[in-house]
């Protein structure tokens, strides 16, 4: 059985923050390391989700759906672009 690889993370924090983290971890019955790692993991996942997910207002959703259901006619420039794409990719 192999163990998961780990990396070390160090941070300098104020004594007040240290005391707060210690108290919060004790209230949850966790080690401070476990508490901090879980909190950082949650914050990282939230940051990634916010960066990767596109959120649209209801009006924007309706506009997007309408464009997908009834796309505008292709302009000559768009037709030329698709033709160049086919030639570049050799798509038949």
C-alpha atoms as a PDB file:
ATOM      1  CA  UNK A   1       0.000   0.000   0.000  1.00  0.00           C
ATOM      2  CA  UNK A   2       1.456   3.394  -0.985  1.00  0.00           C
ATOM      3  CA  UNK A   3       0.838   6.612   0.914  1.00  0.00           C
ATOM      4  CA  UNK A   4      -0.375   9.761  -0.780  1.00  0.00           C
ATOM      5  CA  UNK A   5       2.350  12.268  -1.496  1.00  0.00           C
ATOM      6  CA  UNK A   6       2.210  15.479   0.467  1.00  0.00           C
ATOM      7  CA  UNK A   7       3.624  18.978   0.299  1.00  0.00           C
ATOM      8  CA  UNK A   8       4.309  21.409   3.079  1.00  0.00           C
ATOM      9  CA  UNK A   9       2.602  24.803   3.369  1.00  0.00           C
ATOM     10  CA  UNK A  10       3.820  27.410   5.809  1.00  0.00           C
ATOM     11  CA  UNK A  11       2.306  30.768   6.660  1.00  0.00           C
ATOM     12  CA  UNK A  12       3.023  33.478   9.180  1.00  0.00           C
ATOM     13  CA  UNK A  13      -0.169  34.643  10.896  1.00  0.00           C
ATOM     14  CA  UNK A  14      -0.951  36.974  13.756  1.00  0.00           C
ATOM     15  CA  UNK A  15      -1.287  35.565  17.247  1.00  0.00           C
ATOM     16  CA  UNK A  16      -4.931  36.665  17.249  1.00  0.00           C
ATOM     17  CA  UNK A  17      -5.672  34.665  14.106  1.00  0.00           C
ATOM     18  CA  UNK A  18      -3.750  31.699  15.516  1.00  0.00           C
ATOM     19  CA  UNK A  19      -5.880  31.812  18.665  1.00  0.00           C
ATOM     20  CA  UNK A  20      -9.055  32.040  16.586  1.00  0.00           C
ATOM     21  CA  UNK A  21      -8.072  29.049  14.438  1.00  0.00           C
ATOM     22  CA  UNK A  22      -7.136  27.052  17.524  1.00  0.00           C
ATOM     23  CA  UNK A  23     -10.484  27.807  19.184  1.00  0.00           C
ATOM     24  CA  UNK A  24     -12.479  27.007  16.030  1.00  0.00           C
ATOM     25  CA  UNK A  25     -10.650  23.722  15.503  1.00  0.00           C
ATOM     26  CA  UNK A  26     -11.196  22.726  19.140  1.00  0.00           C
ATOM     27  CA  UNK A  27     -14.908  23.530  18.853  1.00  0.00           C
ATOM     28  CA  UNK A  28     -15.125  21.154  15.907  1.00  0.00           C
ATOM     29  CA  UNK A  29     -13.020  18.498  17.593  1.00  0.00           C
ATOM     30  CA  UNK A  30     -10.337  18.650  14.906  1.00  0.00           C
ATOM     31  CA  UNK A  31      -6.662  19.349  14.855  1.00  0.00           C
ATOM     32  CA  UNK A  32      -5.726  22.830  13.765  1.00  0.00           C
ATOM     33  CA  UNK A  33      -3.996  21.389  10.707  1.00  0.00           C
ATOM     34  CA  UNK A  34      -7.124  19.463   9.697  1.00  0.00           C
ATOM     35  CA  UNK A  35      -9.278  22.551  10.282  1.00  0.00           C
ATOM     36  CA  UNK A  36      -7.030  24.834   8.225  1.00  0.00           C
ATOM     37  CA  UNK A  37      -6.579  22.325   5.394  1.00  0.00           C
ATOM     38  CA  UNK A  38     -10.348  21.799   5.127  1.00  0.00           C
ATOM     39  CA  UNK A  39     -11.018  25.553   5.153  1.00  0.00           C
ATOM     40  CA  UNK A  40      -8.359  26.241   2.529  1.00  0.00           C
ATOM     41  CA  UNK A  41      -9.626  23.387   0.359  1.00  0.00           C
ATOM     42  CA  UNK A  42     -13.189  24.745   0.509  1.00  0.00           C
ATOM     43  CA  UNK A  43     -11.996  28.259  -0.356  1.00  0.00           C
ATOM     44  CA  UNK A  44      -9.876  26.977  -3.256  1.00  0.00           C
ATOM     45  CA  UNK A  45     -12.742  24.923  -4.689  1.00  0.00           C
ATOM     46  CA  UNK A  46     -15.078  27.918  -4.464  1.00  0.00           C
ATOM     47  CA  UNK A  47     -12.534  30.168  -6.229  1.00  0.00           C
ATOM     48  CA  UNK A  48     -12.068  27.611  -9.014  1.00  0.00           C
ATOM     49  CA  UNK A  49     -15.812  27.124  -9.427  1.00  0.00           C
ATOM     50  CA  UNK A  50     -16.403  30.875  -9.631  1.00  0.00           C
ATOM     51  CA  UNK A  51     -13.714  31.177 -12.297  1.00  0.00           C
ATOM     52  CA  UNK A  52     -14.937  28.239 -14.395  1.00  0.00           C
ATOM     53  CA  UNK A  53     -18.712  28.589 -14.223  1.00  0.00           C
ATOM     54  CA  UNK A  54     -20.432  31.204 -16.343  1.00  0.00           C
ATOM     55  CA  UNK A  55     -23.470  32.595 -14.588  1.00  0.00           C
ATOM     56  CA  UNK A  56     -26.134  34.334 -16.641  1.00  0.00           C
ATOM     57  CA  UNK A  57     -29.050  36.470 -15.584  1.00  0.00           C
ATOM     58  CA  UNK A  58     -32.501  35.210 -16.535  1.00  0.00           C
ATOM     59  CA  UNK A  59     -32.628  37.709 -19.411  1.00  0.00           C
ATOM     60  CA  UNK A  60     -29.206  36.545 -20.645  1.00  0.00           C
ATOM     61  CA  UNK A  61     -30.299  32.894 -20.406  1.00  0.00           C
ATOM     62  CA  UNK A  62     -33.377  33.636 -22.510  1.00  0.00           C
ATOM     63  CA  UNK A  63     -31.291  35.553 -25.069  1.00  0.00           C
ATOM     64  CA  UNK A  64     -28.774  32.694 -25.288  1.00  0.00           C
ATOM     65  CA  UNK A  65     -31.514  30.060 -25.655  1.00  0.00           C
ATOM     66  CA  UNK A  66     -33.226  32.116 -28.371  1.00  0.00           C
ATOM     67  CA  UNK A  67     -29.959  32.483 -30.280  1.00  0.00           C
ATOM     68  CA  UNK A  68     -29.412  28.722 -30.094  1.00  0.00           C
ATOM     69  CA  UNK A  69     -32.972  27.936 -31.213  1.00  0.00           C
ATOM     70  CA  UNK A  70     -33.089  30.563 -33.963  1.00  0.00           C
ATOM     71  CA  UNK A  71     -29.548  31.447 -34.993  1.00  0.00           C
ATOM     72  CA  UNK A  72     -29.096  34.399 -37.356  1.00  0.00           C
ATOM     73  CA  UNK A  73     -28.342  33.679 -41.010  1.00  0.00           C
ATOM     74  CA  UNK A  74     -24.667  33.261 -41.835  1.00  0.00           C
ATOM     75  CA  UNK A  75     -23.064  36.389 -43.233  1.00  0.00           C
ATOM     76  CA  UNK A  76     -20.686  36.240 -46.208  1.00  0.00           C
ATOM     77  CA  UNK A  77     -17.757  36.812 -43.813  1.00  0.00           C
ATOM     78  CA  UNK A  78     -18.832  33.872 -41.652  1.00  0.00           C
ATOM     79  CA  UNK A  79     -19.198  31.658 -44.720  1.00  0.00           C
ATOM     80  CA  UNK A  80     -15.661  32.618 -45.845  1.00  0.00           C
ATOM     81  CA  UNK A  81     -14.340  31.880 -42.354  1.00  0.00           C
ATOM     82  CA  UNK A  82     -15.902  28.418 -42.350  1.00  0.00           C
ATOM     83  CA  UNK A  83     -14.513  27.783 -45.831  1.00  0.00           C
ATOM     84  CA  UNK A  84     -10.989  28.727 -44.686  1.00  0.00           C
ATOM     85  CA  UNK A  85     -11.427  26.533 -41.614  1.00  0.00           C
ATOM     86  CA  UNK A  86     -12.416  23.552 -43.752  1.00  0.00           C
ATOM     87  CA  UNK A  87      -9.352  24.088 -45.972  1.00  0.00           C
ATOM     88  CA  UNK A  88      -7.020  24.446 -42.994  1.00  0.00           C
ATOM     89  CA  UNK A  89      -8.380  21.372 -41.271  1.00  0.00           C
ATOM     90  CA  UNK A  90      -9.030  19.500 -44.508  1.00  0.00           C
ATOM     91  CA  UNK A  91     -12.589  18.814 -43.397  1.00  0.00           C
ATOM     92  CA  UNK A  92     -14.908  17.604 -46.130  1.00  0.00           C
END
